[in-house]
Amino acid sequence: MTSSVQLNPDIVVRFAPSPNGLLHLGHAYAAMMAHDFARARGGQFLLRIEDIDSGRSRPEFVTAILDDLRWLGLGWDGDVIFQSQRLDSYAAAAERLKALELLYPCFCSRSDMRLLQADGPQPEGPDGPIYAGTCRHLDPGQARKRATKEPHSWRLDVAKAAAITGPLQWMDERHGAQLSHPERLGDVILVPKETPVAYHLAVTVDDARDGITHVVRGDDLFASTAIHRLLQALLGLPTPIYFHHRLLCDEEGAKLAKSRGSASLSVLRLAGKSGQDLLQDFRQGIFPVGISLS
């Protein structure tokens, strides 16, 4: 669904949903914010499907995403991009980080993590408890030997990486200049046991590959930008400008989410509601009963 408008190549924005469920009102708001940001500046609006998790991604959800965006009146430029077609680029990025000795194998299971929590409270980061670094302290030779036989993920040694790059900054058009604090997220997983790549590495590689100049996304991902900025520096990738917008929340003040069973756009679409009218209300600050910006 390509726009016929003359586009400014200096502005490229994307919307990147995961096809592991149906889009809800929060997605509609996020897509609108990215789309309108690009169009107000004459820029390109790309659609990228984050379908790396083959165990949860479904073709019918991809179809629903495209139908929902058309229903909302949000046209994208060029072909739809699929992360599942880019696995080689993620693997190459991971290998570069391994060559720099910045990734280490982690053998901790979910039950191991729960046991760590039971031993006492762990430091909290924006996304929950920070990993205690259990496997970071393993003897390297022992870790390599275990990695040939045991399931494992690969974690980024954030302290070691930050020592290489030194202090880093990034710009947010809403929040202003930011000093990166990747240590607040701890040693994040970049290559999980179950899937080829984790969100942090994939999105960083993709934004560079797609020439994204401005990342427009919700405040829930604000803290993650520190990790993305670190990876950009380590991999020699450009740093886009960011715009983290407010989130749609329910009556309890929680952000709308698939995991919370937030009502899908498909229900409204199939009921004959107007998606374009919905977004016009959003643009005027009018939201359905029980929904507000936070």
Protein backbone atom coordinates (compact mmCIF):
# COMPACT_ATOMS: atom_id res chain seq x y z
CA MET A 1 0.00 0.00 0.00
CA THR A 2 2.32 2.72 -1.30
CA SER A 3 1.73 6.45 -1.02
CA SER A 4 1.67 8.47 -4.26
CA VAL A 5 2.82 11.65 -2.46
CA GLN A 6 6.30 13.07 -3.20
CA LEU A 7 8.35 11.93 -0.23
CA ASN A 8 11.24 13.50 1.64
CA PRO A 9 14.03 10.87 1.69
CA ASP A 10 15.58 12.55 4.73
CA ILE A 11 12.71 11.42 6.99
CA VAL A 12 12.03 7.69 7.38
CA VAL A 13 9.78 6.33 10.15
CA ARG A 14 8.48 2.81 10.76
CA PHE A 15 5.73 0.89 12.52
CA ALA A 16 6.83 -2.61 13.54
CA PRO A 17 4.13 -4.85 15.05
CA SER A 18 4.55 -8.53 15.94
CA PRO A 19 2.08 -10.99 14.36
CA ASN A 20 1.54 -12.96 17.57
CA GLY A 21 -1.95 -11.61 18.17
CA LEU A 22 -4.48 -9.08 16.98
CA LEU A 23 -3.82 -5.35 17.10
CA HIS A 24 -5.69 -3.31 19.72
CA LEU A 25 -6.37 0.39 20.29
CA GLY A 26 -2.87 0.93 21.70
CA HIS A 27 -1.39 -0.32 18.44
CA ALA A 28 -3.73 1.95 16.49
CA TYR A 29 -2.51 4.94 18.48
CA ALA A 30 1.17 3.97 18.04
CA ALA A 31 0.74 3.40 14.30
CA MET A 32 -1.04 6.74 13.97
CA MET A 33 1.71 8.58 15.86
CA ALA A 34 4.45 7.11 13.63
CA HIS A 35 2.43 7.63 10.43
CA ASP A 36 1.47 11.22 11.26
CA PHE A 37 5.02 12.09 12.36
CA ALA A 38 6.33 10.98 8.96
CA ARG A 39 3.56 12.53 6.88
CA ALA A 40 3.72 15.90 8.68
CA ARG A 41 7.36 16.12 7.57
CA GLY A 42 6.81 14.72 4.09
CA GLY A 43 8.67 11.57 5.08
CA GLN A 44 8.37 7.85 4.39
CA PHE A 45 6.35 5.51 6.60
CA LEU A 46 7.53 1.90 6.52
CA LEU A 47 5.78 -1.22 7.77
CA ARG A 48 8.00 -3.91 9.30
CA ILE A 49 6.56 -7.18 10.60
CA GLU A 50 8.55 -8.55 13.55
CA ASP A 51 7.91 -12.23 12.89
CA ILE A 52 11.09 -13.81 14.23
CA ASP A 53 9.30 -15.90 16.85
CA SER A 54 8.04 -18.66 14.55
CA GLY A 55 6.38 -20.41 17.48
CA ARG A 56 3.98 -17.51 18.08
CA SER A 57 3.78 -15.69 14.74
CA ARG A 58 0.80 -16.60 12.54
CA PRO A 59 0.04 -15.73 8.88
CA GLU A 60 -3.54 -14.87 9.81
CA PHE A 61 -2.25 -12.21 12.21
CA VAL A 62 -0.14 -10.68 9.43
CA THR A 63 -3.26 -10.50 7.26
CA ALA A 64 -5.20 -8.91 10.13
CA ILE A 65 -2.46 -6.29 10.66
CA LEU A 66 -2.59 -5.24 7.01
CA ASP A 67 -6.39 -5.17 7.04
CA ASP A 68 -6.45 -3.11 10.25
CA LEU A 69 -3.99 -0.52 8.93
CA ARG A 70 -5.98 -0.15 5.71
CA TRP A 71 -9.16 0.20 7.79
CA LEU A 72 -7.47 2.94 9.83
CA GLY A 73 -6.46 4.73 6.64
CA LEU A 74 -2.73 4.44 7.35
CA GLY A 75 -0.87 3.85 4.10
CA TRP A 76 2.73 2.69 4.12
CA ASP A 77 5.50 3.15 1.55
CA GLY A 78 7.17 0.33 -0.35
CA ASP A 79 6.86 -3.38 0.31
CA VAL A 80 6.10 -4.80 3.72
CA ILE A 81 9.34 -5.83 5.46
CA PHE A 82 9.57 -9.19 7.26
CA GLN A 83 12.22 -9.81 9.90
CA SER A 84 12.09 -13.56 9.22
CA GLN A 85 13.80 -12.83 5.88
CA ARG A 86 16.75 -11.17 7.60
CA LEU A 87 18.11 -13.83 9.93
CA ASP A 88 21.55 -13.75 8.31
CA SER A 89 22.05 -10.08 9.20
CA TYR A 90 21.19 -10.71 12.86
CA ALA A 91 23.55 -13.68 13.03
CA ALA A 92 26.34 -11.57 11.49
CA ALA A 93 25.80 -8.84 14.08
CA ALA A 94 25.90 -11.38 16.91
CA GLU A 95 29.13 -12.83 15.53
CA ARG A 96 30.71 -9.37 15.50
CA LEU A 97 29.84 -8.93 19.15
CA LYS A 98 31.20 -12.40 19.97
CA ALA A 99 34.44 -11.52 18.19
CA LEU A 100 34.70 -8.50 20.48
CA GLU A 101 34.20 -10.92 23.43
CA LEU A 102 31.12 -8.98 24.52
CA LEU A 103 28.64 -11.88 24.51
CA TYR A 104 28.72 -14.76 26.95
CA PRO A 105 26.65 -17.96 27.04
CA CYS A 106 23.97 -18.06 29.70
CA PHE A 107 22.66 -21.43 30.87
CA CYS A 108 20.13 -20.12 33.37
CA SER A 109 16.61 -21.46 32.96
CA ARG A 110 13.39 -19.76 34.02
CA SER A 111 13.37 -21.93 37.14
CA ASP A 112 16.94 -20.80 37.91
CA MET A 113 15.80 -17.20 37.67
CA ARG A 114 12.91 -17.89 40.04
CA LEU A 115 15.32 -19.46 42.52
CA LEU A 116 17.50 -16.36 42.37
CA GLN A 117 14.45 -14.29 43.22
CA ALA A 118 13.65 -16.61 46.12
CA ASP A 119 17.14 -16.10 47.54
CA GLY A 120 16.43 -12.41 48.01
CA PRO A 121 15.26 -9.35 46.12
CA GLN A 122 17.24 -8.60 42.97
CA PRO A 123 17.97 -5.07 41.73
CA GLU A 124 15.06 -3.81 39.65
CA GLY A 125 15.34 -2.34 36.19
CA PRO A 126 12.67 -0.79 33.96
CA ASP A 127 11.70 -4.24 32.67
CA GLY A 128 11.90 -6.13 35.96
CA PRO A 129 14.70 -7.76 37.98
CA ILE A 130 18.18 -7.22 36.56
CA TYR A 131 20.08 -10.40 35.76
CA ALA A 132 22.55 -11.18 38.51
CA GLY A 133 25.37 -12.06 36.12
CA THR A 134 25.57 -15.68 37.29
CA CYS A 135 26.95 -17.03 34.00
CA ARG A 136 29.14 -13.98 33.37
CA HIS A 137 31.37 -15.22 36.17
CA LEU A 138 31.87 -18.72 34.73
CA ASP A 139 35.33 -19.77 33.64
CA PRO A 140 35.47 -19.01 29.87
CA GLY A 141 36.86 -22.42 29.00
CA GLN A 142 34.20 -24.17 31.06
CA ALA A 143 31.48 -22.00 29.50
CA ARG A 144 32.64 -22.79 25.95
CA LYS A 145 32.67 -26.50 26.73
CA ARG A 146 29.18 -26.39 28.22
CA ALA A 147 27.92 -24.39 25.23
CA THR A 148 28.69 -27.31 22.91
CA LYS A 149 26.35 -29.57 24.89
CA GLU A 150 23.78 -27.51 26.77
CA PRO A 151 21.01 -25.15 25.63
CA HIS A 152 22.00 -21.56 26.21
CA SER A 153 21.26 -17.97 25.31
CA TRP A 154 23.83 -15.25 24.65
CA ARG A 155 23.90 -12.18 26.90
CA LEU A 156 25.60 -8.84 26.36
CA ASP A 157 28.23 -7.97 28.96
CA VAL A 158 26.94 -4.43 29.35
CA ALA A 159 29.67 -3.15 31.68
CA LYS A 160 32.41 -4.41 29.37
CA ALA A 161 30.65 -2.98 26.33
CA ALA A 162 30.12 0.41 27.97
CA ALA A 163 33.79 0.53 28.91
CA ILE A 164 34.64 0.25 25.20
CA THR A 165 32.22 2.91 23.97
CA GLY A 166 32.45 5.35 26.84
CA PRO A 167 29.49 7.65 27.68
CA LEU A 168 26.81 7.80 24.99
CA GLN A 169 23.97 10.18 24.31
CA TRP A 170 20.85 10.22 22.19
CA MET A 171 18.17 12.76 21.38
CA ASP A 172 14.46 12.43 22.05
CA GLU A 173 12.26 15.08 20.44
CA ARG A 174 9.81 14.92 23.35
CA HIS A 175 12.10 14.29 26.34
CA GLY A 176 15.22 16.11 25.16
CA ALA A 177 18.89 15.07 25.19
CA GLN A 178 19.54 11.83 27.06
CA LEU A 179 22.62 10.24 28.57
CA SER A 180 22.53 6.47 28.08
CA HIS A 181 22.39 4.21 31.14
CA PRO A 182 22.43 0.67 29.70
CA GLU A 183 23.46 -0.76 33.06
CA ARG A 184 19.92 -0.11 34.28
CA LEU A 185 18.72 -3.00 32.12
CA GLY A 186 21.59 -5.32 33.03
CA ASP A 187 23.08 -7.99 30.76
CA VAL A 188 20.22 -8.37 28.31
CA ILE A 189 19.78 -11.46 26.15
CA LEU A 190 20.60 -10.81 22.48
CA VAL A 191 20.34 -14.38 21.19
CA PRO A 192 17.70 -16.42 23.05
CA LYS A 193 17.64 -20.18 23.37
CA GLU A 194 14.33 -20.48 21.54
CA THR A 195 14.57 -17.90 18.73
CA PRO A 196 17.31 -16.66 16.37
CA VAL A 197 17.56 -13.16 17.83
CA ALA A 198 16.11 -10.98 20.58
CA TYR A 199 14.24 -7.73 20.09
CA HIS A 200 17.09 -5.44 21.16
CA LEU A 201 19.55 -6.69 18.54
CA ALA A 202 17.02 -7.18 15.74
CA VAL A 203 15.46 -3.73 16.04
CA THR A 204 18.87 -2.03 16.13
CA VAL A 205 20.11 -3.84 13.02
CA ASP A 206 16.81 -3.31 11.20
CA ASP A 207 16.52 0.40 11.91
CA ALA A 208 19.98 0.91 10.41
CA ARG A 209 19.26 -1.34 7.43
CA ASP A 210 15.97 0.42 6.70
CA GLY A 211 17.50 3.89 6.98
CA ILE A 212 15.21 4.88 9.84
CA THR A 213 15.92 8.50 10.73
CA HIS A 214 13.30 8.88 13.48
CA VAL A 215 12.09 6.12 15.80
CA VAL A 216 8.57 6.95 16.95
CA ARG A 217 7.32 4.55 19.64
CA GLY A 218 5.74 4.41 23.07
CA ASP A 219 7.22 5.46 26.39
CA ASP A 220 7.28 1.80 27.45
CA LEU A 221 10.38 1.39 25.26
CA PHE A 222 12.12 4.54 26.45
CA ALA A 223 14.55 2.70 28.77
CA SER A 224 15.41 0.16 26.06
CA THR A 225 16.90 2.93 23.94
CA ALA A 226 20.02 2.89 26.12
CA ILE A 227 20.76 -0.68 25.02
CA HIS A 228 20.00 0.17 21.39
CA ARG A 229 22.33 3.16 21.56
CA LEU A 230 25.07 0.93 22.99
CA LEU A 231 24.62 -1.61 20.20
CA GLN A 232 24.70 1.13 17.58
CA ALA A 233 28.07 2.29 18.90
CA LEU A 234 29.49 -1.23 19.07
CA LEU A 235 28.33 -2.17 15.56
CA GLY A 236 29.15 1.15 13.92
CA LEU A 237 25.51 1.91 13.08
CA PRO A 238 23.86 5.34 12.79
CA THR A 239 21.80 6.70 15.65
CA PRO A 240 18.32 7.90 14.73
CA ILE A 241 16.43 10.64 16.54
CA TYR A 242 13.78 9.27 18.90
CA PHE A 243 10.29 10.35 19.83
CA HIS A 244 8.72 8.38 22.68
CA HIS A 245 5.04 9.17 22.94
CA ARG A 246 2.49 8.66 25.69
CA LEU A 247 0.58 5.38 25.96
CA LEU A 248 -3.08 4.50 25.86
CA CYS A 249 -4.07 3.00 29.22
CA ASP A 250 -7.14 1.31 30.66
CA GLU A 251 -9.19 2.31 33.71
CA GLU A 252 -6.60 0.76 36.02
CA GLY A 253 -3.82 2.84 34.48
CA ALA A 254 -2.19 -0.16 32.78
CA LYS A 255 -1.11 0.11 29.16
CA LEU A 256 -3.23 -1.75 26.64
CA ALA A 257 -1.65 -5.09 25.77
CA LYS A 258 -2.36 -8.37 24.02
CA SER A 259 -1.41 -10.20 27.20
CA ARG A 260 -4.12 -8.32 29.11
CA GLY A 261 -6.77 -9.24 26.56
CA SER A 262 -7.27 -5.69 25.30
CA ALA A 263 -10.06 -5.53 22.72
CA SER A 264 -8.84 -6.02 19.16
CA LEU A 265 -9.30 -3.66 16.24
CA SER A 266 -10.69 -6.57 14.23
CA VAL A 267 -13.81 -6.58 16.42
CA LEU A 268 -14.48 -2.93 15.63
CA ARG A 269 -13.62 -3.38 11.95
CA LEU A 270 -15.91 -6.37 11.49
CA ALA A 271 -18.67 -4.53 13.36
CA GLY A 272 -18.64 -1.89 10.65
CA LYS A 273 -17.06 0.90 12.70
CA SER A 274 -14.98 3.54 10.91
CA GLY A 275 -11.26 3.26 11.57
CA GLN A 276 -10.59 6.68 10.08
CA ASP A 277 -13.16 8.27 12.40
CA LEU A 278 -11.49 6.50 15.32
CA LEU A 279 -8.13 8.06 14.47
CA GLN A 280 -9.66 11.47 13.91
CA ASP A 281 -10.97 11.26 17.47
CA PHE A 282 -7.52 10.21 18.70
CA ARG A 283 -5.96 13.21 16.97
CA GLN A 284 -8.41 15.47 18.81
CA GLY A 285 -7.74 13.79 22.16
CA ILE A 286 -11.04 11.91 22.22
CA PHE A 287 -10.81 8.29 23.42
CA PRO A 288 -13.33 5.50 24.11
CA VAL A 289 -14.81 5.26 27.58
CA GLY A 290 -12.29 3.82 30.05
CA ILE A 291 -9.29 4.64 27.83
CA SER A 292 -6.92 7.54 28.43
CA LEU A 293 -3.40 8.74 27.71
CA SER A 294 -0.73 8.23 30.34
